[in-house]
């Protein structure tokens, strides 16, 4: 159970660091506006799907989980 506690503390600190970085605007200019993200506007309707941003976030989280598992 001790390992689970350490894991939860590390995950919590990681989430806090990401929250602080987002709060200060790190990545504000490019995050969500990468080449390949879909943005379609027609009249009053707008559709936006950040597919490349989602793929990048998935790759980073997969790598992080793989490293923490070892």
N, C-alpha and C. Protein backbone atom coordinates (compact mmCIF):
# COMPACT_ATOMS: atom_id res chain seq x y z
N UNK A 1 0.83 -1.20 0.00
CA UNK A 1 0.00 0.00 0.00
C UNK A 1 0.87 1.25 0.00
N UNK A 2 2.09 1.13 0.45
CA UNK A 2 2.99 2.27 0.48
C UNK A 2 3.31 2.77 -0.93
N UNK A 3 3.47 1.83 -1.88
CA UNK A 3 3.74 2.22 -3.27
C UNK A 3 2.57 2.97 -3.88
N UNK A 4 1.36 2.56 -3.55
CA UNK A 4 0.18 3.25 -4.06
C UNK A 4 0.13 4.69 -3.57
N UNK A 5 0.47 4.91 -2.32
CA UNK A 5 0.50 6.27 -1.78
C UNK A 5 1.51 7.15 -2.48
N UNK A 6 2.69 6.60 -2.73
CA UNK A 6 3.72 7.36 -3.46
C UNK A 6 3.27 7.67 -4.88
N UNK A 7 2.65 6.69 -5.52
CA UNK A 7 2.16 6.88 -6.89
C UNK A 7 1.12 8.00 -6.93
N UNK A 8 0.19 8.00 -5.98
CA UNK A 8 -0.86 9.03 -5.95
C UNK A 8 -0.28 10.41 -5.69
N UNK A 9 0.74 10.49 -4.85
CA UNK A 9 1.39 11.78 -4.59
C UNK A 9 2.09 12.29 -5.84
N UNK A 10 2.78 11.41 -6.57
CA UNK A 10 3.47 11.81 -7.79
C UNK A 10 2.46 12.28 -8.84
N UNK A 11 1.38 11.54 -9.01
CA UNK A 11 0.35 11.92 -9.98
C UNK A 11 -0.28 13.27 -9.58
N UNK A 12 -0.55 13.45 -8.31
CA UNK A 12 -1.12 14.72 -7.83
C UNK A 12 -0.19 15.90 -8.07
N UNK A 13 1.09 15.71 -7.80
CA UNK A 13 2.05 16.78 -8.05
C UNK A 13 2.18 17.07 -9.55
N UNK A 14 2.14 16.04 -10.36
CA UNK A 14 2.19 16.23 -11.81
C UNK A 14 1.01 17.03 -12.31
N UNK A 15 -0.18 16.71 -11.82
CA UNK A 15 -1.38 17.45 -12.20
C UNK A 15 -1.29 18.90 -11.74
N UNK A 16 -0.75 19.11 -10.54
CA UNK A 16 -0.60 20.48 -10.03
C UNK A 16 0.38 21.28 -10.89
N UNK A 17 1.48 20.66 -11.29
CA UNK A 17 2.47 21.35 -12.13
C UNK A 17 1.86 21.71 -13.48
N UNK A 18 1.15 20.77 -14.08
CA UNK A 18 0.49 21.05 -15.37
C UNK A 18 -0.52 22.18 -15.20
N UNK A 19 -1.27 22.17 -14.11
CA UNK A 19 -2.24 23.23 -13.86
C UNK A 19 -1.60 24.60 -13.72
N UNK A 20 -0.48 24.66 -13.03
CA UNK A 20 0.23 25.94 -12.88
C UNK A 20 0.76 26.41 -14.24
N UNK A 21 1.33 25.50 -15.02
CA UNK A 21 1.84 25.88 -16.34
C UNK A 21 0.72 26.39 -17.24
N UNK A 22 -0.40 25.73 -17.24
CA UNK A 22 -1.54 26.18 -18.05
C UNK A 22 -2.08 27.50 -17.52
N UNK A 23 -2.09 27.66 -16.21
CA UNK A 23 -2.56 28.90 -15.60
C UNK A 23 -1.72 30.11 -15.99
N UNK A 24 -0.43 29.90 -16.16
CA UNK A 24 0.45 30.99 -16.56
C UNK A 24 0.54 31.15 -18.07
N UNK A 25 -0.17 30.33 -18.82
CA UNK A 25 -0.26 30.52 -20.26
C UNK A 25 0.81 29.80 -21.07
N UNK A 26 1.50 28.85 -20.47
CA UNK A 26 2.50 28.09 -21.23
C UNK A 26 1.78 27.24 -22.26
N UNK A 27 2.15 27.36 -23.49
CA UNK A 27 1.52 26.60 -24.57
C UNK A 27 0.27 27.25 -25.13
N UNK A 28 -0.02 28.46 -24.69
CA UNK A 28 -1.24 29.13 -25.11
C UNK A 28 -1.26 29.46 -26.60
N UNK A 29 -0.10 29.74 -27.17
CA UNK A 29 -0.03 30.11 -28.57
C UNK A 29 -0.12 28.94 -29.53
N UNK A 30 0.33 27.75 -29.12
CA UNK A 30 0.37 26.63 -30.05
C UNK A 30 -0.46 25.44 -29.62
N UNK A 31 -0.71 25.28 -28.34
CA UNK A 31 -1.46 24.11 -27.86
C UNK A 31 -2.91 24.20 -28.31
N UNK A 32 -3.33 23.25 -29.11
CA UNK A 32 -4.67 23.27 -29.66
C UNK A 32 -4.74 23.90 -31.04
N UNK A 33 -3.63 24.41 -31.51
CA UNK A 33 -3.58 25.04 -32.84
C UNK A 33 -2.43 24.46 -33.66
N UNK A 34 -2.21 23.17 -33.53
CA UNK A 34 -1.15 22.51 -34.26
C UNK A 34 -1.59 22.23 -35.69
N UNK A 35 -0.62 22.08 -36.60
CA UNK A 35 -0.98 21.70 -37.97
C UNK A 35 -1.68 20.33 -37.95
N UNK A 36 -2.79 20.23 -38.60
CA UNK A 36 -3.56 18.99 -38.61
C UNK A 36 -4.80 19.06 -37.76
N UNK A 37 -4.89 20.03 -36.87
CA UNK A 37 -6.12 20.23 -36.10
C UNK A 37 -7.21 20.73 -37.04
N UNK A 38 -8.39 20.19 -36.89
CA UNK A 38 -9.49 20.49 -37.80
C UNK A 38 -10.29 21.67 -37.27
N UNK A 39 -10.45 22.68 -38.09
CA UNK A 39 -11.28 23.84 -37.75
C UNK A 39 -12.10 24.19 -38.99
N UNK A 40 -13.41 24.18 -38.83
CA UNK A 40 -14.31 24.46 -39.94
C UNK A 40 -15.34 25.47 -39.49
N UNK A 41 -15.46 26.57 -40.21
CA UNK A 41 -16.44 27.60 -39.88
C UNK A 41 -17.29 27.88 -41.12
N UNK A 42 -18.58 27.95 -40.89
CA UNK A 42 -19.51 28.29 -41.97
C UNK A 42 -20.67 29.08 -41.37
N UNK A 43 -20.74 30.34 -41.73
CA UNK A 43 -21.78 31.20 -41.18
C UNK A 43 -21.64 31.35 -39.68
N UNK A 44 -22.72 31.05 -38.95
CA UNK A 44 -22.70 31.15 -37.49
C UNK A 44 -22.22 29.87 -36.82
N UNK A 45 -22.05 28.80 -37.58
CA UNK A 45 -21.65 27.51 -37.01
C UNK A 45 -20.14 27.33 -37.13
N UNK A 46 -19.58 26.71 -36.11
CA UNK A 46 -18.15 26.45 -36.10
C UNK A 46 -17.90 25.08 -35.51
N UNK A 47 -16.96 24.34 -36.11
CA UNK A 47 -16.58 23.02 -35.62
C UNK A 47 -15.07 23.00 -35.47
N UNK A 48 -14.60 22.56 -34.31
CA UNK A 48 -13.17 22.50 -34.05
C UNK A 48 -12.85 21.18 -33.37
N UNK A 49 -11.92 20.42 -33.93
CA UNK A 49 -11.49 19.16 -33.34
C UNK A 49 -9.96 19.11 -33.38
N UNK A 50 -9.32 19.23 -32.22
CA UNK A 50 -7.85 19.25 -32.17
C UNK A 50 -7.26 17.84 -32.19
N UNK A 51 -7.37 17.15 -33.32
CA UNK A 51 -6.96 15.75 -33.40
C UNK A 51 -5.45 15.57 -33.19
N UNK A 52 -4.62 16.43 -33.75
CA UNK A 52 -3.17 16.30 -33.58
C UNK A 52 -2.78 16.61 -32.14
N UNK A 53 -3.42 17.57 -31.52
CA UNK A 53 -3.17 17.87 -30.12
C UNK A 53 -3.55 16.68 -29.25
N UNK A 54 -4.66 16.03 -29.55
CA UNK A 54 -5.08 14.84 -28.80
C UNK A 54 -4.07 13.71 -28.97
N UNK A 55 -3.58 13.51 -30.19
CA UNK A 55 -2.57 12.47 -30.43
C UNK A 55 -1.28 12.76 -29.68
N UNK A 56 -0.86 14.01 -29.66
CA UNK A 56 0.34 14.40 -28.94
C UNK A 56 0.17 14.18 -27.43
N UNK A 57 -0.96 14.58 -26.89
CA UNK A 57 -1.23 14.38 -25.46
C UNK A 57 -1.27 12.89 -25.13
N UNK A 58 -1.87 12.09 -26.00
CA UNK A 58 -1.92 10.65 -25.78
C UNK A 58 -0.53 10.03 -25.78
N UNK A 59 0.32 10.45 -26.70
CA UNK A 59 1.69 9.93 -26.76
C UNK A 59 2.48 10.29 -25.51
N UNK A 60 2.33 11.53 -25.05
CA UNK A 60 3.05 11.98 -23.86
C UNK A 60 2.56 11.21 -22.63
N UNK A 61 1.26 11.06 -22.49
CA UNK A 61 0.72 10.33 -21.34
C UNK A 61 1.09 8.86 -21.38
N UNK A 62 1.10 8.25 -22.57
CA UNK A 62 1.51 6.86 -22.70
C UNK A 62 2.97 6.68 -22.29
N UNK A 63 3.84 7.57 -22.74
CA UNK A 63 5.24 7.52 -22.36
C UNK A 63 5.41 7.69 -20.85
N UNK A 64 4.68 8.62 -20.27
CA UNK A 64 4.76 8.86 -18.83
C UNK A 64 4.31 7.64 -18.04
N UNK A 65 3.20 7.04 -18.45
CA UNK A 65 2.71 5.84 -17.76
C UNK A 65 3.69 4.68 -17.93
N UNK A 66 4.29 4.54 -19.10
CA UNK A 66 5.26 3.49 -19.33
C UNK A 66 6.48 3.67 -18.43
N UNK A 67 6.94 4.92 -18.29
CA UNK A 67 8.09 5.18 -17.43
C UNK A 67 7.76 4.95 -15.96
N UNK A 68 6.56 5.29 -15.54
CA UNK A 68 6.18 5.09 -14.13
C UNK A 68 5.95 3.62 -13.82
N UNK A 69 5.61 2.84 -14.81
CA UNK A 69 5.36 1.42 -14.59
C UNK A 69 6.66 0.66 -14.32
N UNK A 70 7.75 1.12 -14.90
CA UNK A 70 9.05 0.44 -14.72
C UNK A 70 9.60 0.57 -13.35
